[in-house]
PDB file of all heavy atoms in Angstrom:
ATOM      1  N   ARG A   1       7.761  -1.428   6.326  1.00  0.00           N
ATOM      2  CA  ARG A   1       8.246  -0.049   6.115  1.00  0.00           C
ATOM      3  C   ARG A   1       9.402  -0.204   5.189  1.00  0.00           C
ATOM      4  O   ARG A   1      10.286  -1.126   5.248  1.00  0.00           O
ATOM      5  CB  ARG A   1       8.681   0.555   7.504  1.00  0.00           C
ATOM      6  CG  ARG A   1       9.680  -0.364   8.161  1.00  0.00           C
ATOM      7  CD  ARG A   1       9.823  -0.053   9.739  1.00  0.00           C
ATOM      8  NE  ARG A   1      10.401  -1.187  10.326  1.00  0.00           N
ATOM      9  CZ  ARG A   1      10.694  -1.176  11.600  1.00  0.00           C
ATOM     10  NH1 ARG A   1      10.401  -0.162  12.295  1.00  0.00           N
ATOM     11  NH2 ARG A   1      11.154  -2.261  12.175  1.00  0.00           N
ATOM     12  N   VAL A   2       9.411   0.732   4.205  1.00  0.00           N
ATOM     13  CA  VAL A   2      10.551   0.644   3.214  1.00  0.00           C
ATOM     14  C   VAL A   2      11.406   1.728   3.505  1.00  0.00           C
ATOM     15  O   VAL A   2      11.163   2.923   3.780  1.00  0.00           O
ATOM     16  CB  VAL A   2       9.894   0.805   1.840  1.00  0.00           C
ATOM     17  CG1 VAL A   2      10.979   0.907   0.764  1.00  0.00           C
ATOM     18  CG2 VAL A   2       8.909  -0.141   1.538  1.00  0.00           C
ATOM     19  N   VAL A   3      12.735   1.464   3.530  1.00  0.00           N
ATOM     20  CA  VAL A   3      13.803   2.341   3.875  1.00  0.00           C
ATOM     21  C   VAL A   3      14.833   2.400   2.742  1.00  0.00           C
ATOM     22  O   VAL A   3      15.363   1.329   2.346  1.00  0.00           O
ATOM     23  CB  VAL A   3      14.493   1.937   5.182  1.00  0.00           C
ATOM     24  CG1 VAL A   3      15.594   2.934   5.571  1.00  0.00           C
ATOM     25  CG2 VAL A   3      13.489   1.630   6.343  1.00  0.00           C
ATOM     26  N   SER A   4      15.245   3.545   2.281  1.00  0.00           N
ATOM     27  CA  SER A   4      16.296   3.775   1.371  1.00  0.00           C
ATOM     28  C   SER A   4      17.500   3.993   2.149  1.00  0.00           C
ATOM     29  O   SER A   4      17.530   4.801   3.059  1.00  0.00           O
ATOM     30  CB  SER A   4      15.931   4.962   0.525  1.00  0.00           C
ATOM     31  OG  SER A   4      17.137   5.387  -0.302  1.00  0.00           O
ATOM     32  N   LEU A   5      18.613   3.343   1.766  1.00  0.00           N
ATOM     33  CA  LEU A   5      19.980   3.534   2.406  1.00  0.00           C
ATOM     34  C   LEU A   5      21.021   3.745   1.285  1.00  0.00           C
ATOM     35  O   LEU A   5      20.800   3.417   0.112  1.00  0.00           O
ATOM     36  CB  LEU A   5      20.283   2.201   3.189  1.00  0.00           C
ATOM     37  CG  LEU A   5      19.349   2.019   4.372  1.00  0.00           C
ATOM     38  CD1 LEU A   5      19.046   0.544   4.486  1.00  0.00           C
ATOM     39  CD2 LEU A   5      19.947   2.499   5.695  1.00  0.00           C
ATOM     40  N   GLY A   6      22.044   4.377   1.694  1.00  0.00           N
ATOM     41  CA  GLY A   6      23.022   4.560   0.710  1.00  0.00           C
ATOM     42  C   GLY A   6      24.519   4.826   1.445  1.00  0.00           C
ATOM     43  O   GLY A   6      24.551   5.029   2.614  1.00  0.00           O
ATOM     44  N   GLY A   7      25.484   5.201   0.593  1.00  0.00           N
ATOM     45  CA  GLY A   7      26.798   5.581   1.124  1.00  0.00           C
ATOM     46  C   GLY A   7      27.851   4.605   0.455  1.00  0.00           C
ATOM     47  O   GLY A   7      27.572   3.456  -0.084  1.00  0.00           O
ATOM     48  N   ALA A   8      29.068   5.105   0.480  1.00  0.00           N
ATOM     49  CA  ALA A   8      30.205   4.391  -0.238  1.00  0.00           C
ATOM     50  C   ALA A   8      30.689   3.135   0.497  1.00  0.00           C
ATOM     51  O   ALA A   8      30.375   3.179   1.872  1.00  0.00           O
ATOM     52  CB  ALA A   8      31.323   5.323  -0.265  1.00  0.00           C
ATOM     53  N   THR A   9      31.217   2.304  -0.033  1.00  0.00           N
ATOM     54  CA  THR A   9      31.636   0.993   0.627  1.00  0.00           C
ATOM     55  C   THR A   9      32.642   1.539   1.815  1.00  0.00           C
ATOM     56  O   THR A   9      32.596   0.803   2.895  1.00  0.00           O
ATOM     57  CB  THR A   9      32.422   0.157  -0.355  1.00  0.00           C
ATOM     58  OG1 THR A   9      31.604  -0.211  -1.342  1.00  0.00           O
ATOM     59  CG2 THR A   9      33.061  -0.979   0.342  1.00  0.00           C
ATOM     60  N   GLU A  10      33.308   2.501   1.579  1.00  0.00           N
ATOM     61  CA  GLU A  10      34.304   2.957   2.619  1.00  0.00           C
ATOM     62  C   GLU A  10      33.625   3.450   3.888  1.00  0.00           C
ATOM     63  O   GLU A  10      34.193   3.501   4.976  1.00  0.00           O
ATOM     64  CB  GLU A  10      35.235   4.020   2.191  1.00  0.00           C
ATOM     65  CG  GLU A  10      36.123   3.697   1.011  1.00  0.00           C
ATOM     66  CD  GLU A  10      35.586   3.642  -0.352  1.00  0.00           C
ATOM     67  OE1 GLU A  10      34.321   3.840  -0.504  1.00  0.00           O
ATOM     68  OE2 GLU A  10      36.321   3.546  -1.338  1.00  0.00           O
ATOM     69  N   GLY A  11      32.319   3.640   3.747  1.00  0.00           N
ATOM     70  CA  GLY A  11      31.528   4.234   4.910  1.00  0.00           C
ATOM     71  C   GLY A  11      30.956   3.118   5.806  1.00  0.00           C
ATOM     72  O   GLY A  11      30.180   3.408   6.685  1.00  0.00           O
ATOM     73  N   SER A  12      31.432   1.924   5.577  1.00  0.00           N
ATOM     74  CA  SER A  12      30.894   0.855   6.431  1.00  0.00           C
ATOM     75  C   SER A  12      29.401   0.539   6.200  1.00  0.00           C
ATOM     76  O   SER A  12      28.606   0.915   6.970  1.00  0.00           O
ATOM     77  CB  SER A  12      31.170   1.053   7.974  1.00  0.00           C
ATOM     78  OG  SER A  12      30.736  -0.139   8.636  1.00  0.00           O
ATOM     79  N   ILE A  13      29.126  -0.211   5.081  1.00  0.00           N
ATOM     80  CA  ILE A  13      27.871  -0.643   4.701  1.00  0.00           C
ATOM     81  C   ILE A  13      27.040   0.494   4.146  1.00  0.00           C
ATOM     82  O   ILE A  13      26.814   0.653   2.945  1.00  0.00           O
ATOM     83  CB  ILE A  13      27.096  -1.406   5.658  1.00  0.00           C
ATOM     84  CG1 ILE A  13      27.955  -2.375   6.381  1.00  0.00           C
ATOM     85  CG2 ILE A  13      25.912  -2.083   4.965  1.00  0.00           C
ATOM     86  CD1 ILE A  13      27.388  -3.115   7.595  1.00  0.00           C
ATOM     87  N   TRP A  14      26.582   1.426   5.052  1.00  0.00           N
ATOM     88  CA  TRP A  14      25.737   2.543   4.756  1.00  0.00           C
ATOM     89  C   TRP A  14      26.060   3.770   5.541  1.00  0.00           C
ATOM     90  O   TRP A  14      26.673   3.651   6.622  1.00  0.00           O
ATOM     91  CB  TRP A  14      24.271   2.230   4.977  1.00  0.00           C
ATOM     92  CG  TRP A  14      23.701   1.053   4.335  1.00  0.00           C
ATOM     93  CD1 TRP A  14      23.671   0.824   3.009  1.00  0.00           C
ATOM     94  CD2 TRP A  14      23.091  -0.037   4.973  1.00  0.00           C
ATOM     95  NE1 TRP A  14      22.982  -0.407   2.801  1.00  0.00           N
ATOM     96  CE2 TRP A  14      22.667  -0.939   3.966  1.00  0.00           C
ATOM     97  CE3 TRP A  14      22.876  -0.420   6.348  1.00  0.00           C
ATOM     98  CZ2 TRP A  14      22.080  -2.173   4.314  1.00  0.00           C
ATOM     99  CZ3 TRP A  14      22.233  -1.699   6.629  1.00  0.00           C
ATOM    100  CH2 TRP A  14      21.756  -2.552   5.585  1.00  0.00           C
ATOM    101  N   SER A  15      25.820   4.919   4.947  1.00  0.00           N
ATOM    102  CA  SER A  15      26.136   6.213   5.712  1.00  0.00           C
ATOM    103  C   SER A  15      24.821   7.077   5.865  1.00  0.00           C
ATOM    104  O   SER A  15      24.807   7.857   6.764  1.00  0.00           O
ATOM    105  CB  SER A  15      27.124   6.993   4.927  1.00  0.00           C
ATOM    106  OG  SER A  15      28.264   6.390   4.694  1.00  0.00           O
ATOM    107  N   ILE A  16      23.834   6.815   4.954  1.00  0.00           N
ATOM    108  CA  ILE A  16      22.624   7.644   5.125  1.00  0.00           C
ATOM    109  C   ILE A  16      21.416   6.681   4.998  1.00  0.00           C
ATOM    110  O   ILE A  16      21.437   5.583   4.582  1.00  0.00           O
ATOM    111  CB  ILE A  16      22.596   8.650   3.911  1.00  0.00           C
ATOM    112  CG1 ILE A  16      22.615   8.049   2.535  1.00  0.00           C
ATOM    113  CG2 ILE A  16      23.639   9.711   4.137  1.00  0.00           C
ATOM    114  CD1 ILE A  16      21.436   7.704   1.844  1.00  0.00           C
ATOM    115  N   TYR A  17      20.330   7.245   5.492  1.00  0.00           N
ATOM    116  CA  TYR A  17      18.992   6.531   5.392  1.00  0.00           C
ATOM    117  C   TYR A  17      17.830   7.479   5.169  1.00  0.00           C
ATOM    118  O   TYR A  17      17.768   8.667   5.564  1.00  0.00           O
ATOM    119  CB  TYR A  17      18.732   5.724   6.691  1.00  0.00           C
ATOM    120  CG  TYR A  17      18.319   6.489   7.928  1.00  0.00           C
ATOM    121  CD1 TYR A  17      17.001   6.497   8.212  1.00  0.00           C
ATOM    122  CD2 TYR A  17      19.246   7.372   8.510  1.00  0.00           C
ATOM    123  CE1 TYR A  17      16.608   7.253   9.318  1.00  0.00           C
ATOM    124  CE2 TYR A  17      18.768   8.068   9.514  1.00  0.00           C
ATOM    125  CZ  TYR A  17      17.440   7.998  10.088  1.00  0.00           C
ATOM    126  OH  TYR A  17      17.093   8.810  11.049  1.00  0.00           O
ATOM    127  N   TYR A  18      16.793   6.873   4.567  1.00  0.00           N
ATOM    128  CA  TYR A  18      15.508   7.761   4.334  1.00  0.00           C
ATOM    129  C   TYR A  18      14.317   6.724   4.439  1.00  0.00           C
ATOM    130  O   TYR A  18      14.133   6.040   3.464  1.00  0.00           O
ATOM    131  CB  TYR A  18      15.538   8.444   3.000  1.00  0.00           C
ATOM    132  CG  TYR A  18      14.220   9.288   2.870  1.00  0.00           C
ATOM    133  CD1 TYR A  18      14.248  10.584   3.297  1.00  0.00           C
ATOM    134  CD2 TYR A  18      13.239   8.856   2.111  1.00  0.00           C
ATOM    135  CE1 TYR A  18      13.068  11.393   3.297  1.00  0.00           C
ATOM    136  CE2 TYR A  18      12.082   9.540   1.920  1.00  0.00           C
ATOM    137  CZ  TYR A  18      11.967  10.853   2.510  1.00  0.00           C
ATOM    138  OH  TYR A  18      10.956  11.586   2.357  1.00  0.00           O
ATOM    139  N   PRO A  19      13.466   6.841   5.500  1.00  0.00           N
ATOM    140  CA  PRO A  19      12.226   5.953   5.518  1.00  0.00           C
ATOM    141  C   PRO A  19      11.241   6.536   4.538  1.00  0.00           C
ATOM    142  O   PRO A  19      10.943   7.668   4.537  1.00  0.00           O
ATOM    143  CB  PRO A  19      11.783   6.162   6.966  1.00  0.00           C
ATOM    144  CG  PRO A  19      12.978   6.749   7.725  1.00  0.00           C
ATOM    145  CD  PRO A  19      13.836   7.486   6.729  1.00  0.00           C
ATOM    146  N   VAL A  20      10.760   5.623   3.594  1.00  0.00           N
ATOM    147  CA  VAL A  20       9.999   6.083   2.573  1.00  0.00           C
ATOM    148  C   VAL A  20       8.550   5.810   2.998  1.00  0.00           C
ATOM    149  O   VAL A  20       7.928   4.793   2.691  1.00  0.00           O
ATOM    150  CB  VAL A  20      10.202   5.233   1.180  1.00  0.00           C
ATOM    151  CG1 VAL A  20       9.436   5.865   0.184  1.00  0.00           C
ATOM    152  CG2 VAL A  20      11.752   5.242   0.850  1.00  0.00           C
ATOM    153  N   ASP A  21       8.057   6.675   3.910  1.00  0.00           N
ATOM    154  CA  ASP A  21       6.729   6.623   4.383  1.00  0.00           C
ATOM    155  C   ASP A  21       5.635   7.047   3.363  1.00  0.00           C
ATOM    156  O   ASP A  21       4.452   6.676   3.386  1.00  0.00           O
ATOM    157  CB  ASP A  21       6.538   7.489   5.582  1.00  0.00           C
ATOM    158  CG  ASP A  21       7.491   6.997   6.736  1.00  0.00           C
ATOM    159  OD1 ASP A  21       7.641   5.757   6.836  1.00  0.00           O
ATOM    160  OD2 ASP A  21       8.054   7.856   7.488  1.00  0.00           O
ATOM    161  N   TYR A  22       6.123   7.848   2.434  1.00  0.00           N
ATOM    162  CA  TYR A  22       5.140   8.574   1.419  1.00  0.00           C
ATOM    163  C   TYR A  22       5.880   8.804   0.137  1.00  0.00           C
ATOM    164  O   TYR A  22       7.106   9.307   0.244  1.00  0.00           O
ATOM    165  CB  TYR A  22       4.473   9.739   2.043  1.00  0.00           C
ATOM    166  CG  TYR A  22       3.794  10.630   1.046  1.00  0.00           C
ATOM    167  CD1 TYR A  22       2.536  10.275   0.537  1.00  0.00           C
ATOM    168  CD2 TYR A  22       4.386  11.793   0.491  1.00  0.00           C
ATOM    169  CE1 TYR A  22       1.837  10.951  -0.365  1.00  0.00           C
ATOM    170  CE2 TYR A  22       3.722  12.609  -0.378  1.00  0.00           C
ATOM    171  CZ  TYR A  22       2.372  12.170  -0.839  1.00  0.00           C
ATOM    172  OH  TYR A  22       1.796  12.971  -1.818  1.00  0.00           O
ATOM    173  N   VAL A  23       5.323   8.520  -0.943  1.00  0.00           N
ATOM    174  CA  VAL A  23       6.011   8.909  -2.239  1.00  0.00           C
ATOM    175  C   VAL A  23       5.133   9.987  -2.946  1.00  0.00           C
ATOM    176  O   VAL A  23       4.048   9.827  -3.342  1.00  0.00           O
ATOM    177  CB  VAL A  23       6.080   7.712  -3.195  1.00  0.00           C
ATOM    178  CG1 VAL A  23       6.686   8.043  -4.573  1.00  0.00           C
ATOM    179  CG2 VAL A  23       6.854   6.573  -2.634  1.00  0.00           C
ATOM    180  N   ASP A  24       5.705  11.156  -3.049  1.00  0.00           N
ATOM    181  CA  ASP A  24       5.146  12.223  -3.785  1.00  0.00           C
ATOM    182  C   ASP A  24       5.085  11.997  -5.287  1.00  0.00           C
ATOM    183  O   ASP A  24       6.115  11.658  -5.860  1.00  0.00           O
ATOM    184  CB  ASP A  24       5.818  13.529  -3.488  1.00  0.00           C
ATOM    185  CG  ASP A  24       5.106  14.763  -3.916  1.00  0.00           C
ATOM    186  OD1 ASP A  24       4.604  14.753  -5.060  1.00  0.00           O
ATOM    187  OD2 ASP A  24       5.139  15.687  -3.169  1.00  0.00           O
ATOM    188  N   PRO A  25       3.950  12.137  -5.912  1.00  0.00           N
ATOM    189  CA  PRO A  25       3.724  11.782  -7.232  1.00  0.00           C
ATOM    190  C   PRO A  25       4.636  12.711  -8.077  1.00  0.00           C
ATOM    191  O   PRO A  25       4.963  12.369  -9.208  1.00  0.00           O
ATOM    192  CB  PRO A  25       2.153  12.182  -7.650  1.00  0.00           C
ATOM    193  CG  PRO A  25       1.623  12.058  -6.206  1.00  0.00           C
ATOM    194  CD  PRO A  25       2.584  12.479  -5.191  1.00  0.00           C
ATOM    195  N   GLU A  26       5.126  13.869  -7.607  1.00  0.00           N
ATOM    196  CA  GLU A  26       6.016  14.722  -8.242  1.00  0.00           C
ATOM    197  C   GLU A  26       7.486  14.382  -8.168  1.00  0.00           C
ATOM    198  O   GLU A  26       8.349  14.857  -9.010  1.00  0.00           O
ATOM    199  CB  GLU A  26       5.784  16.167  -7.779  1.00  0.00           C
ATOM    200  CG  GLU A  26       4.393  16.717  -7.782  1.00  0.00           C
ATOM    201  CD  GLU A  26       3.976  16.833  -9.347  1.00  0.00           C
ATOM    202  OE1 GLU A  26       4.712  17.162 -10.193  1.00  0.00           O
ATOM    203  OE2 GLU A  26       2.833  16.393  -9.572  1.00  0.00           O
ATOM    204  N   TRP A  27       7.782  13.391  -7.318  1.00  0.00           N
ATOM    205  CA  TRP A  27       9.134  12.963  -7.114  1.00  0.00           C
ATOM    206  C   TRP A  27       9.689  12.388  -8.413  1.00  0.00           C
ATOM    207  O   TRP A  27       9.143  11.597  -9.073  1.00  0.00           O
ATOM    208  CB  TRP A  27       9.357  12.071  -5.962  1.00  0.00           C
ATOM    209  CG  TRP A  27       9.297  12.646  -4.662  1.00  0.00           C
ATOM    210  CD1 TRP A  27       9.108  13.988  -4.296  1.00  0.00           C
ATOM    211  CD2 TRP A  27       9.348  11.895  -3.463  1.00  0.00           C
ATOM    212  NE1 TRP A  27       9.168  14.105  -2.999  1.00  0.00           N
ATOM    213  CE2 TRP A  27       9.159  12.920  -2.343  1.00  0.00           C
ATOM    214  CE3 TRP A  27       9.347  10.556  -2.976  1.00  0.00           C
ATOM    215  CZ2 TRP A  27       9.142  12.525  -0.994  1.00  0.00           C
ATOM    216  CZ3 TRP A  27       9.331  10.265  -1.663  1.00  0.00           C
ATOM    217  CH2 TRP A  27       9.212  11.213  -0.732  1.00  0.00           C
ATOM    218  N   LYS A  28      10.968  12.840  -8.739  1.00  0.00           N
ATOM    219  CA  LYS A  28      11.720  12.130  -9.817  1.00  0.00           C
ATOM    220  C   LYS A  28      12.691  10.996  -9.264  1.00  0.00           C
ATOM    221  O   LYS A  28      13.193  10.186  -9.935  1.00  0.00           O
ATOM    222  CB  LYS A  28      12.471  13.158 -10.654  1.00  0.00           C
ATOM    223  CG  LYS A  28      11.681  14.303 -11.205  1.00  0.00           C
ATOM    224  CD  LYS A  28      11.890  14.425 -12.601  1.00  0.00           C
ATOM    225  CE  LYS A  28      11.094  15.605 -13.202  1.00  0.00           C
ATOM    226  NZ  LYS A  28       9.747  15.370 -13.328  1.00  0.00           N
ATOM    227  N   SER A  29      12.943  11.090  -7.960  1.00  0.00           N
ATOM    228  CA  SER A  29      13.770  10.151  -7.288  1.00  0.00           C
ATOM    229  C   SER A  29      13.439  10.113  -5.768  1.00  0.00           C
ATOM    230  O   SER A  29      12.745  10.975  -5.297  1.00  0.00           O
ATOM    231  CB  SER A  29      15.189  10.332  -7.460  1.00  0.00           C
ATOM    232  OG  SER A  29      15.603  11.600  -6.817  1.00  0.00           O
ATOM    233  N   ILE A  30      13.834   8.979  -5.160  1.00  0.00           N
ATOM    234  CA  ILE A  30      13.673   8.917  -3.695  1.00  0.00           C
ATOM    235  C   ILE A  30      14.670   9.910  -2.890  1.00  0.00           C
ATOM    236  O   ILE A  30      15.831   9.821  -3.426  1.00  0.00           O
ATOM    237  CB  ILE A  30      13.781   7.502  -3.148  1.00  0.00           C
ATOM    238  CG1 ILE A  30      12.900   6.519  -3.891  1.00  0.00           C
ATOM    239  CG2 ILE A  30      13.642   7.465  -1.699  1.00  0.00           C
ATOM    240  CD1 ILE A  30      11.437   6.772  -3.673  1.00  0.00           C
ATOM    241  N   PRO A  31      14.227  10.667  -2.032  1.00  0.00           N
ATOM    242  CA  PRO A  31      15.225  11.531  -1.336  1.00  0.00           C
ATOM    243  C   PRO A  31      16.400  10.902  -0.770  1.00  0.00           C
ATOM    244  O   PRO A  31      16.257   9.742  -0.417  1.00  0.00           O
ATOM    245  CB  PRO A  31      14.410  12.250  -0.194  1.00  0.00           C
ATOM    246  CG  PRO A  31      13.025  12.118  -0.755  1.00  0.00           C
ATOM    247  CD  PRO A  31      12.819  10.880  -1.554  1.00  0.00           C
ATOM    248  N   TYR A  32      17.524  11.468  -0.786  1.00  0.00           N
ATOM    249  CA  TYR A  32      18.809  10.796  -0.385  1.00  0.00           C
ATOM    250  C   TYR A  32      18.841  10.494   0.968  1.00  0.00           C
ATOM    251  O   TYR A  32      19.329   9.418   1.351  1.00  0.00           O
ATOM    252  CB  TYR A  32      19.959  11.685  -0.841  1.00  0.00           C
ATOM    253  CG  TYR A  32      21.307  10.918  -0.817  1.00  0.00           C
ATOM    254  CD1 TYR A  32      21.409   9.812  -1.556  1.00  0.00           C
ATOM    255  CD2 TYR A  32      22.329  11.351   0.067  1.00  0.00           C
ATOM    256  CE1 TYR A  32      22.666   9.122  -1.483  1.00  0.00           C
ATOM    257  CE2 TYR A  32      23.518  10.660   0.128  1.00  0.00           C
ATOM    258  CZ  TYR A  32      23.692   9.539  -0.627  1.00  0.00           C
ATOM    259  OH  TYR A  32      24.831   8.778  -0.608  1.00  0.00           O
ATOM    260  N   GLY A  33      18.246  11.325   1.888  1.00  0.00           N
ATOM    261  CA  GLY A  33      18.160  11.094   3.320  1.00  0.00           C
ATOM    262  C   GLY A  33      19.175  11.806   4.126  1.00  0.00           C
ATOM    263  O   GLY A  33      19.731  12.816   3.734  1.00  0.00           O
ATOM    264  N   LYS A  34      19.268  11.422   5.363  1.00  0.00           N
ATOM    265  CA  LYS A  34      20.125  11.974   6.283  1.00  0.00           C
ATOM    266  C   LYS A  34      21.121  10.951   6.931  1.00  0.00           C
ATOM    267  O   LYS A  34      21.082   9.863   6.808  1.00  0.00           O
ATOM    268  CB  LYS A  34      19.377  12.728   7.392  1.00  0.00           C
ATOM    269  CG  LYS A  34      18.399  11.762   8.106  1.00  0.00           C
ATOM    270  CD  LYS A  34      17.524  12.578   8.950  1.00  0.00           C
ATOM    271  CE  LYS A  34      16.419  11.716   9.657  1.00  0.00           C
ATOM    272  NZ  LYS A  34      15.465  12.509  10.485  1.00  0.00           N
ATOM    273  N   PRO A  35      22.268  11.553   7.567  1.00  0.00           N
ATOM    274  CA  PRO A  35      23.269  10.655   8.089  1.00  0.00           C
ATOM    275  C   PRO A  35      22.858   9.659   9.172  1.00  0.00           C
ATOM    276  O   PRO A  35      22.026   9.985  10.029  1.00  0.00           O
ATOM    277  CB  PRO A  35      24.473  11.577   8.513  1.00  0.00           C
ATOM    278  CG  PRO A  35      24.176  12.947   7.896  1.00  0.00           C
ATOM    279  CD  PRO A  35      22.565  12.925   7.843  1.00  0.00           C
ATOM    280  N   LEU A  36      23.511   8.492   9.106  1.00  0.00           N
ATOM    281  CA  LEU A  36      23.288   7.599  10.279  1.00  0.00           C
ATOM    282  C   LEU A  36      24.170   8.025  11.469  1.00  0.00           C
ATOM    283  O   LEU A  36      24.885   9.030  11.284  1.00  0.00           O
ATOM    284  CB  LEU A  36      23.678   6.211   9.879  1.00  0.00           C
ATOM    285  CG  LEU A  36      22.859   5.424   8.807  1.00  0.00           C
ATOM    286  CD1 LEU A  36      23.566   4.304   8.245  1.00  0.00           C
ATOM    287  CD2 LEU A  36      21.535   5.018   9.472  1.00  0.00           C
ATOM    288  N   ALA A  37      24.001   7.467  12.541  1.00  0.00           N
ATOM    289  CA  ALA A  37      24.654   7.798  13.775  1.00  0.00           C
ATOM    290  C   ALA A  37      26.135   7.910  13.485  1.00  0.00           C
ATOM    291  O   ALA A  37      26.769   6.990  13.000  1.00  0.00           O
ATOM    292  CB  ALA A  37      24.323   6.885  14.914  1.00  0.00           C
ATOM    293  N   ASN A  38      26.784   8.998  14.114  1.00  0.00           N
ATOM    294  CA  ASN A  38      28.218   9.133  14.144  1.00  0.00           C
ATOM    295  C   ASN A  38      28.847   9.225  12.751  1.00  0.00           C
ATOM    296  O   ASN A  38      29.999   8.994  12.473  1.00  0.00           O
ATOM    297  CB  ASN A  38      28.857   8.021  14.932  1.00  0.00           C
ATOM    298  CG  ASN A  38      28.444   7.911  16.357  1.00  0.00           C
ATOM    299  OD1 ASN A  38      28.280   8.841  16.957  1.00  0.00           O
ATOM    300  ND2 ASN A  38      28.087   6.702  16.808  1.00  0.00           N
ATOM    301  N   GLN A  39      27.903   9.609  11.750  1.00  0.00           N
ATOM    302  CA  GLN A  39      28.401   9.704  10.430  1.00  0.00           C
ATOM    303  C   GLN A  39      27.913  11.101   9.845  1.00  0.00           C
ATOM    304  O   GLN A  39      26.964  11.706  10.339  1.00  0.00           O
ATOM    305  CB  GLN A  39      27.918   8.679   9.490  1.00  0.00           C
ATOM    306  CG  GLN A  39      28.213   7.241   9.977  1.00  0.00           C
ATOM    307  CD  GLN A  39      28.143   6.164   8.810  1.00  0.00           C
ATOM    308  OE1 GLN A  39      28.746   6.391   7.812  1.00  0.00           O
ATOM    309  NE2 GLN A  39      27.450   5.169   9.061  1.00  0.00           N
ATOM    310  N   THR A  40      28.654  11.720   8.944  1.00  0.00           N
ATOM    311  CA  THR A  40      28.497  13.061   8.448  1.00  0.00           C
ATOM    312  C   THR A  40      28.181  13.018   6.934  1.00  0.00           C
ATOM    313  O   THR A  40      28.748  12.109   6.212  1.00  0.00           O
ATOM    314  CB  THR A  40      29.445  14.092   8.831  1.00  0.00           C
ATOM    315  OG1 THR A  40      30.771  13.591   8.333  1.00  0.00           O
ATOM    316  CG2 THR A  40      29.570  14.223  10.275  1.00  0.00           C
TER     317      THR A  40
END
């Protein structure tokens, strides 16, 4: 399973995640995702 993660260094490693279960042929980028636990 491929997971996209992101966030500033100040956010403690990562702040957001997006499991890439499917790639839409129309996508120009992987969706940014949603917050990890206790993060906004």
